[in-house]
Amino acid sequence: MEFCPNCGSMLMPEDGVIKCSCGFEKSLSDDDLEEQYKFEGEKNKDLEVIVTDNNNVALPTTRITCYKCGGTKGYWWTVQTRSADEAPTNFIRCAKCGNTWRSSN
């Protein structure tokens, strides 16, 4: 990858040359173009994408008592809802009914 000596923008390939929006052009060999500007994606065909739903949640669990349904299993997570110098906020979601609330720490 190269940058324009005039304006500093990234030079993009077009019709066998690399060009800048300011008008600068530079010829490169086909080998150089392929080496610097051709990118290939992941070729691992064995790679699988795991799809989850509400019945397969990838969050840690804890014992709780849901105030809506009485459920005893809850998922929890932490979010920094305020500035970095304040404590993060902990959330709990009932595994039975989906009710979500902030935990009191």
C-alpha atoms as a PDB file:
ATOM      1  CA  MET A   1       0.000   0.000   0.000  1.00  0.00           C
ATOM      2  CA  GLU A   2       1.340   3.407  -0.907  1.00  0.00           C
ATOM      3  CA  PHE A   3       0.399   6.966  -0.088  1.00  0.00           C
ATOM      4  CA  CYS A   4       0.371  10.049  -2.301  1.00  0.00           C
ATOM      5  CA  PRO A   5       3.550  12.141  -1.985  1.00  0.00           C
ATOM      6  CA  ASN A   6       1.502  15.295  -2.708  1.00  0.00           C
ATOM      7  CA  CYS A   7      -1.428  15.060  -0.302  1.00  0.00           C
ATOM      8  CA  GLY A   8      -0.833  11.924   1.815  1.00  0.00           C
ATOM      9  CA  SER A   9      -4.012  10.086   0.696  1.00  0.00           C
ATOM     10  CA  MET A  10      -3.925   6.352   0.152  1.00  0.00           C
ATOM     11  CA  LEU A  11      -3.322   5.479  -3.491  1.00  0.00           C
ATOM     12  CA  MET A  12      -5.988   3.202  -4.967  1.00  0.00           C
ATOM     13  CA  PRO A  13      -5.484   0.844  -7.931  1.00  0.00           C
ATOM     14  CA  GLU A  14      -7.383   1.528 -11.147  1.00  0.00           C
ATOM     15  CA  ASP A  15      -6.653   0.094 -14.606  1.00  0.00           C
ATOM     16  CA  GLY A  16      -3.077  -1.001 -13.822  1.00  0.00           C
ATOM     17  CA  VAL A  17      -1.994   2.209 -12.076  1.00  0.00           C
ATOM     18  CA  ILE A  18      -2.442   3.592  -8.605  1.00  0.00           C
ATOM     19  CA  LYS A  19      -4.232   6.926  -8.524  1.00  0.00           C
ATOM     20  CA  CYS A  20      -4.949   9.670  -6.043  1.00  0.00           C
ATOM     21  CA  SER A  21      -7.954  11.996  -5.977  1.00  0.00           C
ATOM     22  CA  CYS A  22      -5.531  14.955  -6.281  1.00  0.00           C
ATOM     23  CA  GLY A  23      -4.429  13.708  -9.725  1.00  0.00           C
ATOM     24  CA  PHE A  24      -1.162  11.934  -8.867  1.00  0.00           C
ATOM     25  CA  GLU A  25      -0.672   8.623 -10.726  1.00  0.00           C
ATOM     26  CA  LYS A  26       2.000   5.952 -10.552  1.00  0.00           C
ATOM     27  CA  SER A  27       2.369   2.808 -12.662  1.00  0.00           C
ATOM     28  CA  LEU A  28       2.979  -0.484 -10.881  1.00  0.00           C
ATOM     29  CA  SER A  29       3.694  -3.926 -12.281  1.00  0.00           C
ATOM     30  CA  ASP A  30       0.938  -6.532 -12.082  1.00  0.00           C
ATOM     31  CA  ASP A  31       2.969  -8.392  -9.449  1.00  0.00           C
ATOM     32  CA  ASP A  32       3.248  -5.260  -7.285  1.00  0.00           C
ATOM     33  CA  LEU A  33      -0.471  -4.513  -7.649  1.00  0.00           C
ATOM     34  CA  GLU A  34      -1.409  -8.039  -6.618  1.00  0.00           C
ATOM     35  CA  GLU A  35       1.042  -8.094  -3.713  1.00  0.00           C
ATOM     36  CA  GLN A  36       0.007  -4.714  -2.289  1.00  0.00           C
ATOM     37  CA  TYR A  37      -3.699  -4.453  -3.117  1.00  0.00           C
ATOM     38  CA  LYS A  38      -5.229  -7.919  -3.471  1.00  0.00           C
ATOM     39  CA  PHE A  39      -6.771  -9.278  -0.291  1.00  0.00           C
ATOM     40  CA  GLU A  40      -8.480 -12.604   0.187  1.00  0.00           C
ATOM     41  CA  GLY A  41     -10.950 -13.548   2.877  1.00  0.00           C
ATOM     42  CA  GLU A  42     -10.974 -16.558   5.166  1.00  0.00           C
ATOM     43  CA  LYS A  43     -10.670 -19.841   3.283  1.00  0.00           C
ATOM     44  CA  ASN A  44     -11.366 -22.175   6.193  1.00  0.00           C
ATOM     45  CA  LYS A  45     -14.485 -24.010   4.968  1.00  0.00           C
ATOM     46  CA  ASP A  46     -14.686 -26.014   8.198  1.00  0.00           C
ATOM     47  CA  LEU A  47     -15.334 -22.858  10.201  1.00  0.00           C
ATOM     48  CA  GLU A  48     -18.886 -22.887  11.552  1.00  0.00           C
ATOM     49  CA  VAL A  49     -20.980 -19.979  12.749  1.00  0.00           C
ATOM     50  CA  ILE A  50     -22.857 -20.744  15.946  1.00  0.00           C
ATOM     51  CA  VAL A  51     -26.370 -19.324  15.977  1.00  0.00           C
ATOM     52  CA  THR A  52     -28.012 -18.919  19.350  1.00  0.00           C
ATOM     53  CA  ASP A  53     -31.535 -18.119  20.457  1.00  0.00           C
ATOM     54  CA  ASN A  54     -33.192 -17.265  23.759  1.00  0.00           C
ATOM     55  CA  ASN A  55     -32.944 -20.910  24.839  1.00  0.00           C
ATOM     56  CA  ASN A  56     -29.158 -20.971  24.329  1.00  0.00           C
ATOM     57  CA  VAL A  57     -27.730 -17.903  26.069  1.00  0.00           C
ATOM     58  CA  ALA A  58     -23.952 -17.459  26.332  1.00  0.00           C
ATOM     59  CA  LEU A  59     -23.926 -15.489  29.600  1.00  0.00           C
ATOM     60  CA  PRO A  60     -22.878 -16.539  33.101  1.00  0.00           C
ATOM     61  CA  THR A  61     -25.667 -17.653  35.420  1.00  0.00           C
ATOM     62  CA  THR A  62     -26.450 -17.102  39.065  1.00  0.00           C
ATOM     63  CA  ARG A  63     -29.135 -18.101  41.550  1.00  0.00           C
ATOM     64  CA  ILE A  64     -31.786 -15.407  41.822  1.00  0.00           C
ATOM     65  CA  THR A  65     -35.412 -14.944  42.795  1.00  0.00           C
ATOM     66  CA  CYS A  66     -37.324 -13.142  40.049  1.00  0.00           C
ATOM     67  CA  TYR A  67     -39.833 -10.700  41.505  1.00  0.00           C
ATOM     68  CA  LYS A  68     -42.223 -11.278  38.559  1.00  0.00           C
ATOM     69  CA  CYS A  69     -42.367 -15.061  38.107  1.00  0.00           C
ATOM     70  CA  GLY A  70     -40.371 -16.506  41.013  1.00  0.00           C
ATOM     71  CA  GLY A  71     -37.737 -18.005  38.686  1.00  0.00           C
ATOM     72  CA  THR A  72     -34.506 -19.101  40.369  1.00  0.00           C
ATOM     73  CA  LYS A  73     -31.964 -18.955  37.510  1.00  0.00           C
ATOM     74  CA  GLY A  74     -30.669 -15.656  36.112  1.00  0.00           C
ATOM     75  CA  TYR A  75     -28.150 -14.498  33.536  1.00  0.00           C
ATOM     76  CA  TRP A  76     -25.922 -11.569  34.498  1.00  0.00           C
ATOM     77  CA  TRP A  77     -23.638  -9.073  32.758  1.00  0.00           C
ATOM     78  CA  THR A  78     -21.867  -5.813  33.570  1.00  0.00           C
ATOM     79  CA  VAL A  79     -22.007  -2.515  31.644  1.00  0.00           C
ATOM     80  CA  GLN A  80     -20.065   0.696  32.251  1.00  0.00           C
ATOM     81  CA  THR A  81     -23.091   3.034  32.091  1.00  0.00           C
ATOM     82  CA  ARG A  82     -21.435   6.090  33.618  1.00  0.00           C
ATOM     83  CA  SER A  83     -17.953   7.594  33.554  1.00  0.00           C
ATOM     84  CA  ALA A  84     -14.921   5.358  34.039  1.00  0.00           C
ATOM     85  CA  ASP A  85     -14.307   6.528  37.597  1.00  0.00           C
ATOM     86  CA  GLU A  86     -17.711   5.216  38.755  1.00  0.00           C
ATOM     87  CA  ALA A  87     -18.679   1.613  39.415  1.00  0.00           C
ATOM     88  CA  PRO A  88     -20.155  -0.394  36.526  1.00  0.00           C
ATOM     89  CA  THR A  89     -23.832  -1.399  36.501  1.00  0.00           C
ATOM     90  CA  ASN A  90     -24.732  -5.082  36.895  1.00  0.00           C
ATOM     91  CA  PHE A  91     -27.806  -6.444  35.123  1.00  0.00           C
ATOM     92  CA  ILE A  92     -29.714  -9.683  35.727  1.00  0.00           C
ATOM     93  CA  ARG A  93     -32.209 -11.370  33.375  1.00  0.00           C
ATOM     94  CA  CYS A  94     -34.533 -14.113  34.570  1.00  0.00           C
ATOM     95  CA  ALA A  95     -33.986 -17.292  32.530  1.00  0.00           C
ATOM     96  CA  LYS A  96     -37.644 -18.258  32.943  1.00  0.00           C
ATOM     97  CA  CYS A  97     -39.568 -15.099  31.938  1.00  0.00           C
ATOM     98  CA  GLY A  98     -36.889 -12.757  30.526  1.00  0.00           C
ATOM     99  CA  ASN A  99     -37.520 -10.006  33.075  1.00  0.00           C
ATOM    100  CA  THR A 100     -34.423  -7.797  33.315  1.00  0.00           C
ATOM    101  CA  TRP A 101     -33.331  -5.528  36.163  1.00  0.00           C
ATOM    102  CA  ARG A 102     -30.296  -3.831  37.654  1.00  0.00           C
ATOM    103  CA  SER A 103     -28.792  -5.660  40.577  1.00  0.00           C
ATOM    104  CA  SER A 104     -28.164  -3.840  43.808  1.00  0.00           C
ATOM    105  CA  ASN A 105     -24.554  -4.255  44.887  1.00  0.00           C
END
